[in-house]
Amino acid sequence: MSSAARAASRKVTALRGEHVDLTVAADAYLSTTRVDNPHTHRAYASAIDRTIILLGADRCLADITDCEIGQP
């Protein structure tokens, strides 16, 4: 992978708005080129969906703590 490709893959996309819930954030991430491969997309979507079920779809992304993500 070229250095330009590596730099592009590390870019963070800001989600604008007062209340960005987990579903909106997940949809935004899953629509990026980072998960263009259908196998990768399916695996990531499955893991993200399970996380959203645990944390609550209407939860604001900014309110989720690191500790909550790491809990079983």
PDB file of N, CA and C in Angstrom:
ATOM      1  N   MET A   1       0.855  -1.175   0.000  1.00  0.00           N
ATOM      2  CA  MET A   1       0.000   0.000   0.000  1.00  0.00           C
ATOM      3  C   MET A   1       0.897   1.232   0.000  1.00  0.00           C
ATOM      4  N   SER A   2       0.571   2.177  -0.842  1.00  0.00           N
ATOM      5  CA  SER A   2       1.367   3.397  -0.935  1.00  0.00           C
ATOM      6  C   SER A   2       1.150   4.264   0.300  1.00  0.00           C
ATOM      7  N   SER A   3       2.048   5.212   0.528  1.00  0.00           N
ATOM      8  CA  SER A   3       1.906   6.097   1.688  1.00  0.00           C
ATOM      9  C   SER A   3       0.654   6.964   1.558  1.00  0.00           C
ATOM     10  N   ALA A   4       0.295   7.345   0.333  1.00  0.00           N
ATOM     11  CA  ALA A   4      -0.929   8.139   0.128  1.00  0.00           C
ATOM     12  C   ALA A   4      -2.164   7.316   0.462  1.00  0.00           C
ATOM     13  N   ALA A   5      -2.155   6.051   0.092  1.00  0.00           N
ATOM     14  CA  ALA A   5      -3.293   5.178   0.411  1.00  0.00           C
ATOM     15  C   ALA A   5      -3.393   4.961   1.911  1.00  0.00           C
ATOM     16  N   ARG A   6      -2.250   4.782   2.574  1.00  0.00           N
ATOM     17  CA  ARG A   6      -2.272   4.617   4.040  1.00  0.00           C
ATOM     18  C   ARG A   6      -2.808   5.867   4.714  1.00  0.00           C
ATOM     19  N   ALA A   7      -2.386   7.032   4.264  1.00  0.00           N
ATOM     20  CA  ALA A   7      -2.860   8.293   4.845  1.00  0.00           C
ATOM     21  C   ALA A   7      -4.356   8.454   4.615  1.00  0.00           C
ATOM     22  N   ALA A   8      -4.825   8.102   3.443  1.00  0.00           N
ATOM     23  CA  ALA A   8      -6.258   8.222   3.136  1.00  0.00           C
ATOM     24  C   ALA A   8      -7.075   7.287   3.997  1.00  0.00           C
ATOM     25  N   SER A   9      -6.552   6.120   4.298  1.00  0.00           N
ATOM     26  CA  SER A   9      -7.312   5.156   5.096  1.00  0.00           C
ATOM     27  C   SER A   9      -7.392   5.559   6.567  1.00  0.00           C
ATOM     28  N   ARG A  10      -6.541   6.491   6.997  1.00  0.00           N
ATOM     29  CA  ARG A  10      -6.547   6.927   8.393  1.00  0.00           C
ATOM     30  C   ARG A  10      -7.400   8.163   8.623  1.00  0.00           C
ATOM     31  N   LYS A  11      -7.933   8.759   7.591  1.00  0.00           N
ATOM     32  CA  LYS A  11      -8.709   9.979   7.755  1.00  0.00           C
ATOM     33  C   LYS A  11      -9.979   9.704   8.548  1.00  0.00           C
ATOM     34  N   VAL A  12     -10.334  10.649   9.366  1.00  0.00           N
ATOM     35  CA  VAL A  12     -11.542  10.555  10.178  1.00  0.00           C
ATOM     36  C   VAL A  12     -12.590  11.471   9.573  1.00  0.00           C
ATOM     37  N   THR A  13     -13.792  10.973   9.457  1.00  0.00           N
ATOM     38  CA  THR A  13     -14.891  11.771   8.943  1.00  0.00           C
ATOM     39  C   THR A  13     -15.709  12.282  10.117  1.00  0.00           C
ATOM     40  N   ALA A  14     -15.851  13.572  10.213  1.00  0.00           N
ATOM     41  CA  ALA A  14     -16.640  14.167  11.290  1.00  0.00           C
ATOM     42  C   ALA A  14     -18.122  14.021  10.983  1.00  0.00           C
ATOM     43  N   LEU A  15     -18.890  13.670  11.993  1.00  0.00           N
ATOM     44  CA  LEU A  15     -20.339  13.608  11.866  1.00  0.00           C
ATOM     45  C   LEU A  15     -20.890  14.870  12.510  1.00  0.00           C
ATOM     46  N   ARG A  16     -21.558  15.672  11.738  1.00  0.00           N
ATOM     47  CA  ARG A  16     -22.062  16.957  12.209  1.00  0.00           C
ATOM     48  C   ARG A  16     -23.465  16.817  12.791  1.00  0.00           C
ATOM     49  N   GLY A  17     -23.741  17.613  13.805  1.00  0.00           N
ATOM     50  CA  GLY A  17     -25.082  17.657  14.358  1.00  0.00           C
ATOM     51  C   GLY A  17     -25.064  17.593  15.863  1.00  0.00           C
ATOM     52  N   GLU A  18     -26.157  18.001  16.445  1.00  0.00           N
ATOM     53  CA  GLU A  18     -26.305  18.003  17.898  1.00  0.00           C
ATOM     54  C   GLU A  18     -26.341  16.593  18.472  1.00  0.00           C
ATOM     55  N   HIS A  19     -27.156  15.744  17.872  1.00  0.00           N
ATOM     56  CA  HIS A  19     -27.376  14.409  18.418  1.00  0.00           C
ATOM     57  C   HIS A  19     -27.181  13.388  17.304  1.00  0.00           C
ATOM     58  N   VAL A  20     -25.996  12.818  17.243  1.00  0.00           N
ATOM     59  CA  VAL A  20     -25.719  11.760  16.271  1.00  0.00           C
ATOM     60  C   VAL A  20     -25.867  10.441  17.017  1.00  0.00           C
ATOM     61  N   ASP A  21     -26.953   9.710  16.702  1.00  0.00           N
ATOM     62  CA  ASP A  21     -27.156   8.454  17.421  1.00  0.00           C
ATOM     63  C   ASP A  21     -26.321   7.339  16.790  1.00  0.00           C
ATOM     64  N   LEU A  22     -26.284   6.204  17.477  1.00  0.00           N
ATOM     65  CA  LEU A  22     -25.432   5.110  17.031  1.00  0.00           C
ATOM     66  C   LEU A  22     -25.812   4.591  15.655  1.00  0.00           C
ATOM     67  N   THR A  23     -27.098   4.563  15.353  1.00  0.00           N
ATOM     68  CA  THR A  23     -27.540   4.072  14.055  1.00  0.00           C
ATOM     69  C   THR A  23     -27.031   4.971  12.929  1.00  0.00           C
ATOM     70  N   VAL A  24     -27.132   6.273  13.105  1.00  0.00           N
ATOM     71  CA  VAL A  24     -26.637   7.227  12.091  1.00  0.00           C
ATOM     72  C   VAL A  24     -25.125   7.083  11.928  1.00  0.00           C
ATOM     73  N   ALA A  25     -24.418   6.960  13.034  1.00  0.00           N
ATOM     74  CA  ALA A  25     -22.958   6.817  12.979  1.00  0.00           C
ATOM     75  C   ALA A  25     -22.567   5.514  12.280  1.00  0.00           C
ATOM     76  N   ALA A  26     -23.265   4.442  12.589  1.00  0.00           N
ATOM     77  CA  ALA A  26     -22.971   3.153  11.963  1.00  0.00           C
ATOM     78  C   ALA A  26     -23.225   3.209  10.467  1.00  0.00           C
ATOM     79  N   ASP A  27     -24.355   3.770  10.074  1.00  0.00           N
ATOM     80  CA  ASP A  27     -24.676   3.891   8.651  1.00  0.00           C
ATOM     81  C   ASP A  27     -23.637   4.735   7.918  1.00  0.00           C
ATOM     82  N   ALA A  28     -23.188   5.802   8.558  1.00  0.00           N
ATOM     83  CA  ALA A  28     -22.174   6.662   7.946  1.00  0.00           C
ATOM     84  C   ALA A  28     -20.871   5.892   7.751  1.00  0.00           C
ATOM     85  N   TYR A  29     -20.457   5.142   8.751  1.00  0.00           N
ATOM     86  CA  TYR A  29     -19.216   4.375   8.646  1.00  0.00           C
ATOM     87  C   TYR A  29     -19.334   3.275   7.590  1.00  0.00           C
ATOM     88  N   LEU A  30     -20.438   2.558   7.611  1.00  0.00           N
ATOM     89  CA  LEU A  30     -20.601   1.441   6.693  1.00  0.00           C
ATOM     90  C   LEU A  30     -20.768   1.881   5.237  1.00  0.00           C
ATOM     91  N   SER A  31     -20.998   3.162   5.022  1.00  0.00           N
ATOM     92  CA  SER A  31     -21.110   3.664   3.648  1.00  0.00           C
ATOM     93  C   SER A  31     -19.774   4.185   3.114  1.00  0.00           C
ATOM     94  N   THR A  32     -18.711   4.114   3.910  1.00  0.00           N
ATOM     95  CA  THR A  32     -17.399   4.586   3.470  1.00  0.00           C
ATOM     96  C   THR A  32     -16.700   3.521   2.630  1.00  0.00           C
ATOM     97  N   THR A  33     -15.666   3.949   1.948  1.00  0.00           N
ATOM     98  CA  THR A  33     -14.891   3.023   1.115  1.00  0.00           C
ATOM     99  C   THR A  33     -14.054   2.067   1.958  1.00  0.00           C
ATOM    100  N   ARG A  34     -13.934   2.318   3.243  1.00  0.00           N
ATOM    101  CA  ARG A  34     -13.151   1.431   4.107  1.00  0.00           C
ATOM    102  C   ARG A  34     -13.754   0.035   4.181  1.00  0.00           C
ATOM    103  N   VAL A  35     -15.042  -0.061   3.921  1.00  0.00           N
ATOM    104  CA  VAL A  35     -15.719  -1.356   4.003  1.00  0.00           C
ATOM    105  C   VAL A  35     -16.397  -1.703   2.675  1.00  0.00           C
ATOM    106  N   ASP A  36     -15.737  -1.371   1.566  1.00  0.00           N
ATOM    107  CA  ASP A  36     -16.275  -1.672   0.238  1.00  0.00           C
ATOM    108  C   ASP A  36     -16.344  -3.167  -0.046  1.00  0.00           C
ATOM    109  N   ASN A  37     -15.399  -3.909   0.459  1.00  0.00           N
ATOM    110  CA  ASN A  37     -15.404  -5.345   0.234  1.00  0.00           C
ATOM    111  C   ASN A  37     -16.659  -5.938   0.874  1.00  0.00           C
ATOM    112  N   PRO A  38     -17.452  -6.712   0.137  1.00  0.00           N
ATOM    113  CA  PRO A  38     -18.710  -7.220   0.688  1.00  0.00           C
ATOM    114  C   PRO A  38     -18.527  -8.114   1.914  1.00  0.00           C
ATOM    115  N   HIS A  39     -17.433  -8.867   1.966  1.00  0.00           N
ATOM    116  CA  HIS A  39     -17.181  -9.729   3.124  1.00  0.00           C
ATOM    117  C   HIS A  39     -16.847  -8.882   4.357  1.00  0.00           C
ATOM    118  N   THR A  40     -16.017  -7.871   4.156  1.00  0.00           N
ATOM    119  CA  THR A  40     -15.683  -6.959   5.250  1.00  0.00           C
ATOM    120  C   THR A  40     -16.930  -6.218   5.716  1.00  0.00           C
ATOM    121  N   HIS A  41     -17.711  -5.729   4.780  1.00  0.00           N
ATOM    122  CA  HIS A  41     -18.935  -4.990   5.114  1.00  0.00           C
ATOM    123  C   HIS A  41     -19.872  -5.855   5.947  1.00  0.00           C
ATOM    124  N   ARG A  42     -20.077  -7.092   5.537  1.00  0.00           N
ATOM    125  CA  ARG A  42     -20.975  -7.991   6.262  1.00  0.00           C
ATOM    126  C   ARG A  42     -20.457  -8.258   7.680  1.00  0.00           C
ATOM    127  N   ALA A  43     -19.166  -8.499   7.824  1.00  0.00           N
ATOM    128  CA  ALA A  43     -18.591  -8.775   9.144  1.00  0.00           C
ATOM    129  C   ALA A  43     -18.680  -7.557  10.052  1.00  0.00           C
ATOM    130  N   TYR A  44     -18.315  -6.385   9.526  1.00  0.00           N
ATOM    131  CA  TYR A  44     -18.380  -5.165  10.330  1.00  0.00           C
ATOM    132  C   TYR A  44     -19.815  -4.822  10.693  1.00  0.00           C
ATOM    133  N   ALA A  45     -20.730  -4.946   9.729  1.00  0.00           N
ATOM    134  CA  ALA A  45     -22.130  -4.619   9.986  1.00  0.00           C
ATOM    135  C   ALA A  45     -22.692  -5.521  11.078  1.00  0.00           C
ATOM    136  N   SER A  46     -22.333  -6.784  11.052  1.00  0.00           N
ATOM    137  CA  SER A  46     -22.804  -7.722  12.068  1.00  0.00           C
ATOM    138  C   SER A  46     -22.307  -7.328  13.459  1.00  0.00           C
ATOM    139  N   ALA A  47     -21.023  -7.026  13.563  1.00  0.00           N
ATOM    140  CA  ALA A  47     -20.452  -6.630  14.858  1.00  0.00           C
ATOM    141  C   ALA A  47     -21.037  -5.305  15.334  1.00  0.00           C
ATOM    142  N   ILE A  48     -21.196  -4.362  14.429  1.00  0.00           N
ATOM    143  CA  ILE A  48     -21.756  -3.055  14.789  1.00  0.00           C
ATOM    144  C   ILE A  48     -23.207  -3.201  15.216  1.00  0.00           C
ATOM    145  N   ASP A  49     -23.975  -4.016  14.505  1.00  0.00           N
ATOM    146  CA  ASP A  49     -25.383  -4.236  14.868  1.00  0.00           C
ATOM    147  C   ASP A  49     -25.510  -4.828  16.268  1.00  0.00           C
ATOM    148  N   ARG A  50     -24.660  -5.788  16.603  1.00  0.00           N
ATOM    149  CA  ARG A  50     -24.703  -6.386  17.954  1.00  0.00           C
ATOM    150  C   ARG A  50     -24.355  -5.338  19.013  1.00  0.00           C
ATOM    151  N   THR A  51     -23.397  -4.488  18.717  1.00  0.00           N
ATOM    152  CA  THR A  51     -23.017  -3.432  19.658  1.00  0.00           C
ATOM    153  C   THR A  51     -24.162  -2.447  19.855  1.00  0.00           C
ATOM    154  N   ILE A  52     -24.834  -2.086  18.776  1.00  0.00           N
ATOM    155  CA  ILE A  52     -25.959  -1.151  18.869  1.00  0.00           C
ATOM    156  C   ILE A  52     -27.080  -1.757  19.701  1.00  0.00           C
ATOM    157  N   ILE A  53     -27.329  -3.041  19.545  1.00  0.00           N
ATOM    158  CA  ILE A  53     -28.367  -3.702  20.350  1.00  0.00           C
ATOM    159  C   ILE A  53     -28.021  -3.605  21.833  1.00  0.00           C
ATOM    160  N   LEU A  54     -26.755  -3.808  22.163  1.00  0.00           N
ATOM    161  CA  LEU A  54     -26.329  -3.749  23.569  1.00  0.00           C
ATOM    162  C   LEU A  54     -26.388  -2.343  24.149  1.00  0.00           C
ATOM    163  N   LEU A  55     -26.003  -1.353  23.359  1.00  0.00           N
ATOM    164  CA  LEU A  55     -25.887   0.016  23.868  1.00  0.00           C
ATOM    165  C   LEU A  55     -27.157   0.845  23.677  1.00  0.00           C
ATOM    166  N   GLY A  56     -27.970   0.492  22.699  1.00  0.00           N
ATOM    167  CA  GLY A  56     -29.192   1.244  22.425  1.00  0.00           C
ATOM    168  C   GLY A  56     -29.053   2.083  21.171  1.00  0.00           C
ATOM    169  N   ALA A  57     -29.936   1.859  20.211  1.00  0.00           N
ATOM    170  CA  ALA A  57     -29.859   2.528  18.911  1.00  0.00           C
ATOM    171  C   ALA A  57     -30.019   4.036  19.006  1.00  0.00           C
ATOM    172  N   ASP A  58     -30.772   4.506  19.996  1.00  0.00           N
ATOM    173  CA  ASP A  58     -31.029   5.940  20.124  1.00  0.00           C
ATOM    174  C   ASP A  58     -29.989   6.674  20.953  1.00  0.00           C
ATOM    175  N   ARG A  59     -28.988   5.948  21.459  1.00  0.00           N
ATOM    176  CA  ARG A  59     -27.947   6.587  22.263  1.00  0.00           C
ATOM    177  C   ARG A  59     -27.135   7.536  21.402  1.00  0.00           C
ATOM    178  N   CYS A  60     -26.799   8.650  21.977  1.00  0.00           N
ATOM    179  CA  CYS A  60     -25.954   9.628  21.302  1.00  0.00           C
ATOM    180  C   CYS A  60     -24.519   9.098  21.271  1.00  0.00           C
ATOM    181  N   LEU A  61     -23.900   9.138  20.110  1.00  0.00           N
ATOM    182  CA  LEU A  61     -22.535   8.635  19.951  1.00  0.00           C
ATOM    183  C   LEU A  61     -21.581   9.308  20.939  1.00  0.00           C
ATOM    184  N   ALA A  62     -21.746  10.583  21.157  1.00  0.00           N
ATOM    185  CA  ALA A  62     -20.852  11.332  22.050  1.00  0.00           C
ATOM    186  C   ALA A  62     -20.985  10.893  23.515  1.00  0.00           C
ATOM    187  N   ASP A  63     -22.084  10.228  23.861  1.00  0.00           N
ATOM    188  CA  ASP A  63     -22.304   9.798  25.240  1.00  0.00           C
ATOM    189  C   ASP A  63     -21.751   8.409  25.546  1.00  0.00           C
ATOM    190  N   ILE A  64     -21.286   7.705  24.533  1.00  0.00           N
ATOM    191  CA  ILE A  64     -20.755   6.355  24.721  1.00  0.00           C
ATOM    192  C   ILE A  64     -19.323   6.468  25.235  1.00  0.00           C
ATOM    193  N   THR A  65     -19.044   5.748  26.324  1.00  0.00           N
ATOM    194  CA  THR A  65     -17.699   5.799  26.910  1.00  0.00           C
ATOM    195  C   THR A  65     -16.852   4.628  26.413  1.00  0.00           C
ATOM    196  N   ASP A  66     -15.555   4.771  26.512  1.00  0.00           N
ATOM    197  CA  ASP A  66     -14.636   3.694  26.138  1.00  0.00           C
ATOM    198  C   ASP A  66     -14.926   2.437  26.931  1.00  0.00           C
ATOM    199  N   CYS A  67     -15.248   2.599  28.213  1.00  0.00           N
ATOM    200  CA  CYS A  67     -15.519   1.440  29.086  1.00  0.00           C
ATOM    201  C   CYS A  67     -16.726   0.646  28.592  1.00  0.00           C
ATOM    202  N   GLU A  68     -17.735   1.339  28.069  1.00  0.00           N
ATOM    203  CA  GLU A  68     -18.917   0.625  27.578  1.00  0.00           C
ATOM    204  C   GLU A  68     -18.601  -0.220  26.360  1.00  0.00           C
ATOM    205  N   ILE A  69     -17.719   0.245  25.514  1.00  0.00           N
ATOM    206  CA  ILE A  69     -17.373  -0.492  24.302  1.00  0.00           C
ATOM    207  C   ILE A  69     -16.622  -1.773  24.671  1.00  0.00           C
ATOM    208  N   GLY A  70     -15.813  -1.730  25.686  1.00  0.00           N
ATOM    209  CA  GLY A  70     -15.008  -2.886  26.068  1.00  0.00           C
ATOM    210  C   GLY A  70     -15.707  -3.899  26.947  1.00  0.00           C
ATOM    211  N   GLN A  71     -16.905  -3.604  27.422  1.00  0.00           N
ATOM    212  CA  GLN A  71     -17.621  -4.533  28.290  1.00  0.00           C
ATOM    213  C   GLN A  71     -18.231  -5.669  27.473  1.00  0.00           C
ATOM    214  N   PRO A  72     -18.232  -6.893  28.043  1.00  0.00           N
ATOM    215  CA  PRO A  72     -18.843  -8.033  27.331  1.00  0.00           C
ATOM    216  C   PRO A  72     -20.345  -7.937  27.267  1.00  0.00           C
TER     217      PRO A  72
END
